Amino acid sequence: MPATKLAVFSTGPAIRSYGWNVVTEVLGTFVLVLVILLFGNTPSEIGPLAVALLVVGIGASLGGPTGYAINPA
């Protein structure tokens, strides 16, 4: 029962491997920050669309190992 209550308020890894979970989170954070910095000053103002699609892509590709705990806000 405690695991079910915890799952309501947080996400947990599907596969609990602390080393690989840290690597996937660091990789996802790096890519997200890199794209935000690169597309933040585009003259065509396509930056928000690129970041939104990237959030979906990160969630689809890295959401399995560690849970989809990304906050696009």
C-alpha atoms as a PDB file:
ATOM      1  CA  MET A   1       0.000   0.000   0.000  1.00  0.00           C
ATOM      2  CA  PRO A   2       2.770   2.581   0.693  1.00  0.00           C
ATOM      3  CA  ALA A   3       4.108   2.130  -2.850  1.00  0.00           C
ATOM      4  CA  THR A   4       0.672   2.870  -4.301  1.00  0.00           C
ATOM      5  CA  LYS A   5       0.335   6.013  -2.190  1.00  0.00           C
ATOM      6  CA  LEU A   6       3.807   7.140  -3.262  1.00  0.00           C
ATOM      7  CA  ALA A   7       2.948   6.555  -6.929  1.00  0.00           C
ATOM      8  CA  VAL A   8       0.104   9.075  -6.678  1.00  0.00           C
ATOM      9  CA  PHE A   9       2.455  11.919  -5.758  1.00  0.00           C
ATOM     10  CA  SER A  10       5.708  11.014  -7.525  1.00  0.00           C
ATOM     11  CA  THR A  11       7.229   8.940 -10.280  1.00  0.00           C
ATOM     12  CA  GLY A  12       9.620   6.093  -9.816  1.00  0.00           C
ATOM     13  CA  PRO A  13      11.991   4.244 -12.085  1.00  0.00           C
ATOM     14  CA  ALA A  14      10.708   1.220 -13.937  1.00  0.00           C
ATOM     15  CA  ILE A  15      14.163  -0.330 -13.577  1.00  0.00           C
ATOM     16  CA  ARG A  16      15.961   0.680 -10.388  1.00  0.00           C
ATOM     17  CA  SER A  17      19.575   1.044 -11.477  1.00  0.00           C
ATOM     18  CA  TYR A  18      20.899   4.187  -9.837  1.00  0.00           C
ATOM     19  CA  GLY A  19      23.888   4.640 -12.151  1.00  0.00           C
ATOM     20  CA  TRP A  20      21.926   4.338 -15.392  1.00  0.00           C
ATOM     21  CA  ASN A  21      19.009   6.331 -14.001  1.00  0.00           C
ATOM     22  CA  VAL A  22      21.361   9.216 -13.217  1.00  0.00           C
ATOM     23  CA  VAL A  23      22.925   8.973 -16.687  1.00  0.00           C
ATOM     24  CA  THR A  24      19.533   9.175 -18.430  1.00  0.00           C
ATOM     25  CA  GLU A  25      18.414  12.123 -16.290  1.00  0.00           C
ATOM     26  CA  VAL A  26      21.680  14.003 -16.894  1.00  0.00           C
ATOM     27  CA  LEU A  27      21.468  13.321 -20.634  1.00  0.00           C
ATOM     28  CA  GLY A  28      17.851  14.473 -20.852  1.00  0.00           C
ATOM     29  CA  THR A  29      18.558  17.620 -18.826  1.00  0.00           C
ATOM     30  CA  PHE A  30      21.615  18.452 -20.916  1.00  0.00           C
ATOM     31  CA  VAL A  31      19.729  18.114 -24.191  1.00  0.00           C
ATOM     32  CA  LEU A  32      16.790  20.159 -22.874  1.00  0.00           C
ATOM     33  CA  VAL A  33      18.977  23.018 -21.644  1.00  0.00           C
ATOM     34  CA  LEU A  34      21.087  22.943 -24.828  1.00  0.00           C
ATOM     35  CA  VAL A  35      18.045  23.256 -27.094  1.00  0.00           C
ATOM     36  CA  ILE A  36      16.550  26.009 -24.934  1.00  0.00           C
ATOM     37  CA  LEU A  37      19.793  27.979 -25.155  1.00  0.00           C
ATOM     38  CA  LEU A  38      20.223  27.403 -28.889  1.00  0.00           C
ATOM     39  CA  PHE A  39      16.639  28.171 -29.931  1.00  0.00           C
ATOM     40  CA  GLY A  40      15.936  30.901 -27.387  1.00  0.00           C
ATOM     41  CA  ASN A  41      16.985  33.719 -29.690  1.00  0.00           C
ATOM     42  CA  THR A  42      15.849  32.546 -33.106  1.00  0.00           C
ATOM     43  CA  PRO A  43      14.604  35.293 -35.443  1.00  0.00           C
ATOM     44  CA  SER A  44      11.736  33.111 -36.681  1.00  0.00           C
ATOM     45  CA  GLU A  45      10.464  32.644 -33.108  1.00  0.00           C
ATOM     46  CA  ILE A  46      10.172  28.877 -33.515  1.00  0.00           C
ATOM     47  CA  GLY A  47      11.923  28.293 -30.185  1.00  0.00           C
ATOM     48  CA  PRO A  48       8.817  27.471 -28.100  1.00  0.00           C
ATOM     49  CA  LEU A  49       7.680  24.872 -30.638  1.00  0.00           C
ATOM     50  CA  ALA A  50      11.121  23.251 -30.664  1.00  0.00           C
ATOM     51  CA  VAL A  51      11.191  23.093 -26.865  1.00  0.00           C
ATOM     52  CA  ALA A  52       7.658  21.675 -26.686  1.00  0.00           C
ATOM     53  CA  LEU A  53       8.475  18.953 -29.198  1.00  0.00           C
ATOM     54  CA  LEU A  54      11.706  18.229 -27.358  1.00  0.00           C
ATOM     55  CA  VAL A  55       9.835  17.770 -24.057  1.00  0.00           C
ATOM     56  CA  VAL A  56       7.581  15.232 -25.770  1.00  0.00           C
ATOM     57  CA  GLY A  57      10.618  13.523 -27.320  1.00  0.00           C
ATOM     58  CA  ILE A  58      12.486  13.325 -24.027  1.00  0.00           C
ATOM     59  CA  GLY A  59       9.408  11.934 -22.328  1.00  0.00           C
ATOM     60  CA  ALA A  60       8.912   9.303 -25.028  1.00  0.00           C
ATOM     61  CA  SER A  61      12.546   8.223 -25.139  1.00  0.00           C
ATOM     62  CA  LEU A  62      13.712   8.586 -21.538  1.00  0.00           C
ATOM     63  CA  GLY A  63      10.397   8.414 -19.689  1.00  0.00           C
ATOM     64  CA  GLY A  64      10.529   4.628 -19.389  1.00  0.00           C
ATOM     65  CA  PRO A  65      13.703   4.142 -17.368  1.00  0.00           C
ATOM     66  CA  THR A  66      13.113   6.865 -14.790  1.00  0.00           C
ATOM     67  CA  GLY A  67       9.473   7.898 -15.081  1.00  0.00           C
ATOM     68  CA  TYR A  68       8.157  10.883 -17.007  1.00  0.00           C
ATOM     69  CA  ALA A  69       8.988  13.460 -14.333  1.00  0.00           C
ATOM     70  CA  ILE A  70       9.730  16.442 -16.564  1.00  0.00           C
ATOM     71  CA  ASN A  71       7.975  19.721 -15.822  1.00  0.00           C
ATOM     72  CA  PRO A  72       7.615  21.828 -18.980  1.00  0.00           C
ATOM     73  CA  ALA A  73       6.520  24.848 -16.944  1.00  0.00           C
END
